[in-house]
Amino acid sequence: QVQLVESGGGLVQPGGSLRLSCTASGSRFSSYAMGWYRQGPGKERELVARIFSGSTTMYANSVKGRFTISRDNAKNTVYLQMSSLKPEDTAVYYCNARVVAFDYWGQGTQVTVSS
């Protein structure tokens, strides 16, 4: 069982920045594939970014060049640095850990981009 705790959401103006954090339980964090998903109003949950155990990353086309995912294995934490935020980035952001064949989820953190 892996528990995930997210933080860092909030209200930001268009063009602004936010950093999300997600801390995971467990002693084998460095082997987990970690990711961030989001679910906007009336939309399905979608993958935003993923970082694998070897620190290879992948991004949704909609966030490439604006968002950066990173991890600190010593702190069991994954980050999502979001810049040049747009109103369409408004969503609940969920942290995900993929451990072998299982997916674990955080409780979600709200990000609202509005003037």
C-alpha atoms as a PDB file:
ATOM      1  CA  GLN A   1       0.000   0.000   0.000  1.00  0.00           C
ATOM      2  CA  VAL A   2       1.356   3.413  -1.018  1.00  0.00           C
ATOM      3  CA  GLN A   3      -0.061   6.601   0.440  1.00  0.00           C
ATOM      4  CA  LEU A   4       0.311   9.880  -1.427  1.00  0.00           C
ATOM      5  CA  VAL A   5      -0.101  13.358   0.038  1.00  0.00           C
ATOM      6  CA  GLU A   6      -0.254  16.354  -2.300  1.00  0.00           C
ATOM      7  CA  SER A   7       0.216  20.027  -1.565  1.00  0.00           C
ATOM      8  CA  GLY A   8       0.782  23.306  -3.364  1.00  0.00           C
ATOM      9  CA  GLY A   9      -2.471  23.999  -5.169  1.00  0.00           C
ATOM     10  CA  GLY A  10      -4.250  27.323  -5.095  1.00  0.00           C
ATOM     11  CA  LEU A  11      -5.450  30.326  -7.038  1.00  0.00           C
ATOM     12  CA  VAL A  12      -3.078  31.970  -9.500  1.00  0.00           C
ATOM     13  CA  GLN A  13      -3.435  34.570 -12.229  1.00  0.00           C
ATOM     14  CA  PRO A  14      -2.918  33.686 -15.887  1.00  0.00           C
ATOM     15  CA  GLY A  15       0.779  33.662 -16.682  1.00  0.00           C
ATOM     16  CA  GLY A  16       1.678  32.808 -13.112  1.00  0.00           C
ATOM     17  CA  SER A  17       3.441  29.821 -11.595  1.00  0.00           C
ATOM     18  CA  LEU A  18       2.760  27.152  -8.991  1.00  0.00           C
ATOM     19  CA  ARG A  19       4.653  24.158  -7.717  1.00  0.00           C
ATOM     20  CA  LEU A  20       2.835  21.017  -6.648  1.00  0.00           C
ATOM     21  CA  SER A  21       4.434  18.471  -4.328  1.00  0.00           C
ATOM     22  CA  CYS A  22       3.521  14.876  -3.615  1.00  0.00           C
ATOM     23  CA  THR A  23       5.121  12.827  -0.866  1.00  0.00           C
ATOM     24  CA  ALA A  24       4.808   9.054  -0.954  1.00  0.00           C
ATOM     25  CA  SER A  25       5.055   6.414   1.736  1.00  0.00           C
ATOM     26  CA  GLY A  26       7.143   3.300   1.285  1.00  0.00           C
ATOM     27  CA  SER A  27      10.786   2.377   1.197  1.00  0.00           C
ATOM     28  CA  ARG A  28      11.057   1.769  -2.541  1.00  0.00           C
ATOM     29  CA  PHE A  29      10.019   5.175  -3.847  1.00  0.00           C
ATOM     30  CA  SER A  30      12.942   5.319  -6.259  1.00  0.00           C
ATOM     31  CA  SER A  31      11.477   2.356  -8.158  1.00  0.00           C
ATOM     32  CA  TYR A  32       8.015   3.882  -8.561  1.00  0.00           C
ATOM     33  CA  ALA A  33       6.879   5.491 -11.773  1.00  0.00           C
ATOM     34  CA  MET A  34       5.294   8.746 -10.597  1.00  0.00           C
ATOM     35  CA  GLY A  35       2.868  10.975 -12.420  1.00  0.00           C
ATOM     36  CA  TRP A  36       0.503  13.893 -12.263  1.00  0.00           C
ATOM     37  CA  TYR A  37      -2.990  13.748 -13.699  1.00  0.00           C
ATOM     38  CA  ARG A  38      -5.685  16.398 -13.774  1.00  0.00           C
ATOM     39  CA  GLN A  39      -9.432  16.552 -14.115  1.00  0.00           C
ATOM     40  CA  GLY A  40     -11.023  19.789 -15.228  1.00  0.00           C
ATOM     41  CA  PRO A  41     -14.693  20.704 -14.826  1.00  0.00           C
ATOM     42  CA  GLY A  42     -16.796  18.390 -16.987  1.00  0.00           C
ATOM     43  CA  LYS A  43     -13.720  16.626 -18.331  1.00  0.00           C
ATOM     44  CA  GLU A  44     -12.156  13.222 -17.965  1.00  0.00           C
ATOM     45  CA  ARG A  45      -8.997  12.718 -15.956  1.00  0.00           C
ATOM     46  CA  GLU A  46      -5.926  13.086 -18.153  1.00  0.00           C
ATOM     47  CA  LEU A  47      -2.218  12.449 -17.795  1.00  0.00           C
ATOM     48  CA  VAL A  48      -0.202  15.643 -17.425  1.00  0.00           C
ATOM     49  CA  ALA A  49       3.312  14.311 -16.853  1.00  0.00           C
ATOM     50  CA  ARG A  50       5.137  11.195 -15.757  1.00  0.00           C
ATOM     51  CA  ILE A  51       8.612  10.491 -14.464  1.00  0.00           C
ATOM     52  CA  PHE A  52      10.051   7.000 -14.415  1.00  0.00           C
ATOM     53  CA  SER A  53      12.493   5.430 -12.002  1.00  0.00           C
ATOM     54  CA  GLY A  54      15.424   6.401 -14.231  1.00  0.00           C
ATOM     55  CA  SER A  55      14.125   9.996 -14.346  1.00  0.00           C
ATOM     56  CA  THR A  56      12.929   9.757 -17.937  1.00  0.00           C
ATOM     57  CA  THR A  57       9.995  12.115 -18.340  1.00  0.00           C
ATOM     58  CA  MET A  58       6.993  12.481 -20.598  1.00  0.00           C
ATOM     59  CA  TYR A  59       4.454  15.277 -20.953  1.00  0.00           C
ATOM     60  CA  ALA A  60       1.053  15.925 -22.439  1.00  0.00           C
ATOM     61  CA  ASN A  61       1.339  18.113 -25.525  1.00  0.00           C
ATOM     62  CA  SER A  62      -0.766  20.786 -23.841  1.00  0.00           C
ATOM     63  CA  VAL A  63       1.840  21.381 -21.120  1.00  0.00           C
ATOM     64  CA  LYS A  64       5.143  20.796 -22.916  1.00  0.00           C
ATOM     65  CA  GLY A  65       7.525  23.680 -22.383  1.00  0.00           C
ATOM     66  CA  ARG A  66       5.453  25.055 -19.487  1.00  0.00           C
ATOM     67  CA  PHE A  67       5.432  22.268 -16.883  1.00  0.00           C
ATOM     68  CA  THR A  68       8.361  20.329 -15.441  1.00  0.00           C
ATOM     69  CA  ILE A  69       8.107  17.118 -13.434  1.00  0.00           C
ATOM     70  CA  SER A  70      10.958  16.122 -11.149  1.00  0.00           C
ATOM     71  CA  ARG A  71      11.619  13.831  -8.212  1.00  0.00           C
ATOM     72  CA  ASP A  72      13.734  13.780  -5.076  1.00  0.00           C
ATOM     73  CA  ASN A  73      14.181  10.154  -4.085  1.00  0.00           C
ATOM     74  CA  ALA A  74      15.810  11.090  -0.778  1.00  0.00           C
ATOM     75  CA  LYS A  75      12.564  12.866   0.207  1.00  0.00           C
ATOM     76  CA  ASN A  76      10.136  10.417  -1.423  1.00  0.00           C
ATOM     77  CA  THR A  77       8.703  13.414  -3.245  1.00  0.00           C
ATOM     78  CA  VAL A  78       7.687  14.264  -6.779  1.00  0.00           C
ATOM     79  CA  TYR A  79       7.141  17.823  -7.954  1.00  0.00           C
ATOM     80  CA  LEU A  80       5.258  19.512 -10.740  1.00  0.00           C
ATOM     81  CA  GLN A  81       6.535  22.988 -11.545  1.00  0.00           C
ATOM     82  CA  MET A  82       3.882  24.822 -13.547  1.00  0.00           C
ATOM     83  CA  SER A  83       4.647  28.055 -15.367  1.00  0.00           C
ATOM     84  CA  SER A  84       2.830  30.284 -17.865  1.00  0.00           C
ATOM     85  CA  LEU A  85      -0.420  28.989 -16.458  1.00  0.00           C
ATOM     86  CA  LYS A  86      -3.592  29.353 -18.501  1.00  0.00           C
ATOM     87  CA  PRO A  87      -7.245  29.307 -17.474  1.00  0.00           C
ATOM     88  CA  GLU A  88      -7.582  25.938 -19.205  1.00  0.00           C
ATOM     89  CA  ASP A  89      -5.080  24.497 -16.713  1.00  0.00           C
ATOM     90  CA  THR A  90      -7.755  24.869 -14.030  1.00  0.00           C
ATOM     91  CA  ALA A  91      -8.394  21.414 -12.605  1.00  0.00           C
ATOM     92  CA  VAL A  92      -7.979  19.116  -9.662  1.00  0.00           C
ATOM     93  CA  TYR A  93      -4.473  17.704  -9.910  1.00  0.00           C
ATOM     94  CA  TYR A  94      -3.843  14.157  -8.713  1.00  0.00           C
ATOM     95  CA  CYS A  95      -0.573  12.497  -7.870  1.00  0.00           C
ATOM     96  CA  ASN A  96      -0.173   8.932  -9.134  1.00  0.00           C
ATOM     97  CA  ALA A  97       2.243   6.168  -8.228  1.00  0.00           C
ATOM     98  CA  ARG A  98       2.506   3.134 -10.456  1.00  0.00           C
ATOM     99  CA  VAL A  99       3.987   0.199  -8.566  1.00  0.00           C
ATOM    100  CA  VAL A 100       4.272  -2.918 -10.724  1.00  0.00           C
ATOM    101  CA  ALA A 101       0.674  -3.376 -11.912  1.00  0.00           C
ATOM    102  CA  PHE A 102      -1.008  -1.185  -9.307  1.00  0.00           C
ATOM    103  CA  ASP A 103      -1.974   2.480  -9.415  1.00  0.00           C
ATOM    104  CA  TYR A 104      -2.169   4.553  -6.257  1.00  0.00           C
ATOM    105  CA  TRP A 105      -3.740   8.016  -6.064  1.00  0.00           C
ATOM    106  CA  GLY A 106      -3.540  11.071  -3.873  1.00  0.00           C
ATOM    107  CA  GLN A 107      -6.592  12.973  -2.719  1.00  0.00           C
ATOM    108  CA  GLY A 108      -6.138  15.747  -5.277  1.00  0.00           C
ATOM    109  CA  THR A 109      -5.308  19.424  -5.014  1.00  0.00           C
ATOM    110  CA  GLN A 110      -7.234  22.217  -6.708  1.00  0.00           C
ATOM    111  CA  VAL A 111      -5.470  24.559  -9.111  1.00  0.00           C
ATOM    112  CA  THR A 112      -7.471  27.539 -10.314  1.00  0.00           C
ATOM    113  CA  VAL A 113      -6.104  29.926 -12.932  1.00  0.00           C
ATOM    114  CA  SER A 114      -8.158  33.084 -13.031  1.00  0.00           C
ATOM    115  CA  SER A 115      -7.818  36.833 -12.984  1.00  0.00           C
END
